[in-house]
């Protein structure tokens, strides 16, 4: 199989995402690590992807900004005491926006919520990140 240009771009994208995710966690009652996610199945829309991820559970699709807002707009997370988490999330946002289209925040469940930040890559795959938050 001959590699196509979009496959090279996919490798560059995944490498950049892995770099941005190193040691990254999302602040909530659990402070869970953030992981790389790849959905290679061709799906027609973000809504179809959300339904597949939810598998009958509650699904909410929001703009990507809603995922970033709690960290980027909190002065503590921009400080040394906060581990410069805001800067790390700004870097992740830049990487995702550079390589992906139609970036969305997908929330699955209630209370203990699996959160995804996914966009479509030029190969047709959905790529992004996943973590868990606890909301009481």
Protein backbone atom coordinates (compact mmCIF):
# COMPACT_ATOMS: atom_id res chain seq x y z
CA UNK A 1 0.00 0.00 0.00
CA UNK A 2 1.35 3.38 -0.99
CA UNK A 3 1.08 6.16 1.55
CA UNK A 4 -0.94 9.13 0.41
CA UNK A 5 -0.27 12.77 1.43
CA UNK A 6 -3.17 12.72 3.90
CA UNK A 7 -1.51 9.78 5.70
CA UNK A 8 1.65 11.84 6.25
CA UNK A 9 -0.49 14.67 7.59
CA UNK A 10 -2.25 12.19 9.88
CA UNK A 11 1.11 11.09 11.32
CA UNK A 12 2.08 14.74 11.88
CA UNK A 13 -1.28 15.43 13.51
CA UNK A 14 -1.07 12.43 15.85
CA UNK A 15 2.48 13.32 16.85
CA UNK A 16 1.48 16.91 17.64
CA UNK A 17 -1.54 15.70 19.64
CA UNK A 18 0.57 13.23 21.64
CA UNK A 19 3.01 16.03 22.47
CA UNK A 20 0.21 18.32 23.63
CA UNK A 21 -1.30 15.56 25.80
CA UNK A 22 1.81 14.58 27.73
CA UNK A 23 0.82 14.65 31.42
CA UNK A 24 -2.35 16.64 30.67
CA UNK A 25 -5.31 16.26 33.01
CA UNK A 26 -8.73 17.93 33.16
CA UNK A 27 -9.73 19.61 36.43
CA UNK A 28 -12.88 18.24 38.05
CA UNK A 29 -13.58 16.21 41.16
CA UNK A 30 -11.51 13.39 39.61
CA UNK A 31 -8.70 15.29 37.80
CA UNK A 32 -8.54 12.52 35.18
CA UNK A 33 -5.82 12.28 32.54
CA UNK A 34 -6.69 13.27 28.98
CA UNK A 35 -6.16 10.58 26.33
CA UNK A 36 -5.89 10.49 22.55
CA UNK A 37 -8.95 9.10 20.73
CA UNK A 38 -9.26 7.91 17.12
CA UNK A 39 -12.54 6.83 15.47
CA UNK A 40 -11.70 5.52 12.02
CA UNK A 41 -15.26 4.40 11.20
CA UNK A 42 -16.73 6.65 8.53
CA UNK A 43 -19.64 8.45 10.11
CA UNK A 44 -21.73 11.07 8.34
CA UNK A 45 -21.84 13.64 11.15
CA UNK A 46 -20.88 14.62 14.66
CA UNK A 47 -24.45 13.78 15.74
CA UNK A 48 -24.04 10.21 14.43
CA UNK A 49 -20.74 9.93 16.28
CA UNK A 50 -22.36 11.22 19.48
CA UNK A 51 -25.12 8.63 19.25
CA UNK A 52 -22.55 5.88 18.72
CA UNK A 53 -20.51 7.07 21.71
CA UNK A 54 -23.61 7.37 23.89
CA UNK A 55 -25.07 3.97 23.04
CA UNK A 56 -28.40 4.91 24.64
CA UNK A 57 -26.92 7.14 27.36
CA UNK A 58 -27.45 10.89 27.59
CA UNK A 59 -25.47 12.75 24.87
CA UNK A 60 -24.89 16.49 24.63
CA UNK A 61 -22.97 18.11 21.74
CA UNK A 62 -21.55 21.57 22.42
CA UNK A 63 -19.09 23.95 20.75
CA UNK A 64 -15.44 23.14 21.49
CA UNK A 65 -15.10 26.44 23.37
CA UNK A 66 -17.32 25.02 26.15
CA UNK A 67 -14.64 22.38 26.82
CA UNK A 68 -11.81 24.90 27.04
CA UNK A 69 -13.60 27.79 28.80
CA UNK A 70 -13.37 26.51 32.44
CA UNK A 71 -9.59 26.14 32.22
CA UNK A 72 -8.64 29.01 29.92
CA UNK A 73 -10.71 31.62 31.79
CA UNK A 74 -9.55 30.71 35.31
CA UNK A 75 -6.54 32.77 36.49
CA UNK A 76 -5.46 30.00 38.89
CA UNK A 77 -4.89 27.54 36.02
CA UNK A 78 -2.71 30.13 34.25
CA UNK A 79 -0.45 30.50 37.30
CA UNK A 80 2.59 28.56 38.44
CA UNK A 81 0.54 27.23 41.38
CA UNK A 82 -2.02 25.92 38.88
CA UNK A 83 0.72 24.21 36.87
CA UNK A 84 0.24 26.55 33.90
CA UNK A 85 -2.66 24.30 32.90
CA UNK A 86 -4.31 27.10 30.89
CA UNK A 87 -1.24 27.41 28.65
CA UNK A 88 -1.19 23.64 28.10
CA UNK A 89 -4.86 23.71 27.09
CA UNK A 90 -4.28 26.68 24.80
CA UNK A 91 -1.57 24.61 23.09
CA UNK A 92 -3.93 21.61 22.77
CA UNK A 93 -6.63 23.87 21.29
CA UNK A 94 -4.16 25.26 18.74
CA UNK A 95 -3.01 21.76 17.72
CA UNK A 96 -6.58 20.49 17.31
CA UNK A 97 -7.74 23.57 15.39
CA UNK A 98 -4.73 23.31 13.07
CA UNK A 99 -5.36 19.69 12.09
CA UNK A 100 -9.10 19.09 12.50
CA UNK A 101 -12.36 20.49 11.17
CA UNK A 102 -15.75 20.68 12.87
CA UNK A 103 -14.30 20.42 16.39
CA UNK A 104 -17.00 19.64 18.98
CA UNK A 105 -17.33 18.90 22.68
CA UNK A 106 -19.38 15.74 23.29
CA UNK A 107 -20.60 14.84 26.78
CA UNK A 108 -21.88 11.33 27.49
CA UNK A 109 -23.66 10.48 30.74
CA UNK A 110 -24.71 12.35 33.86
CA UNK A 111 -22.84 12.69 37.15
CA UNK A 112 -19.83 10.74 35.97
CA UNK A 113 -19.45 12.11 32.45
CA UNK A 114 -17.19 10.91 29.66
CA UNK A 115 -16.15 13.96 27.69
CA UNK A 116 -14.78 14.01 24.17
CA UNK A 117 -13.30 16.81 22.12
CA UNK A 118 -13.44 15.49 18.56
CA UNK A 119 -13.03 16.83 15.05
CA UNK A 120 -12.85 15.40 11.55
CA UNK A 121 -9.43 14.86 10.00
CA UNK A 122 -8.92 15.11 6.21
CA UNK A 123 -8.76 11.28 6.11
CA UNK A 124 -12.41 11.19 7.25
CA UNK A 125 -11.55 9.83 10.70
CA UNK A 126 -12.63 11.59 13.87
CA UNK A 127 -9.69 12.42 16.14
CA UNK A 128 -9.40 14.16 19.44
CA UNK A 129 -9.22 13.62 23.16
CA UNK A 130 -11.25 11.96 25.88
CA UNK A 131 -11.39 12.23 29.67
CA UNK A 132 -13.82 11.76 32.54
CA UNK A 133 -15.31 14.34 34.88
CA UNK A 134 -17.38 13.93 38.00
CA UNK A 135 -20.08 16.52 38.55
CA UNK A 136 -22.10 16.63 41.73
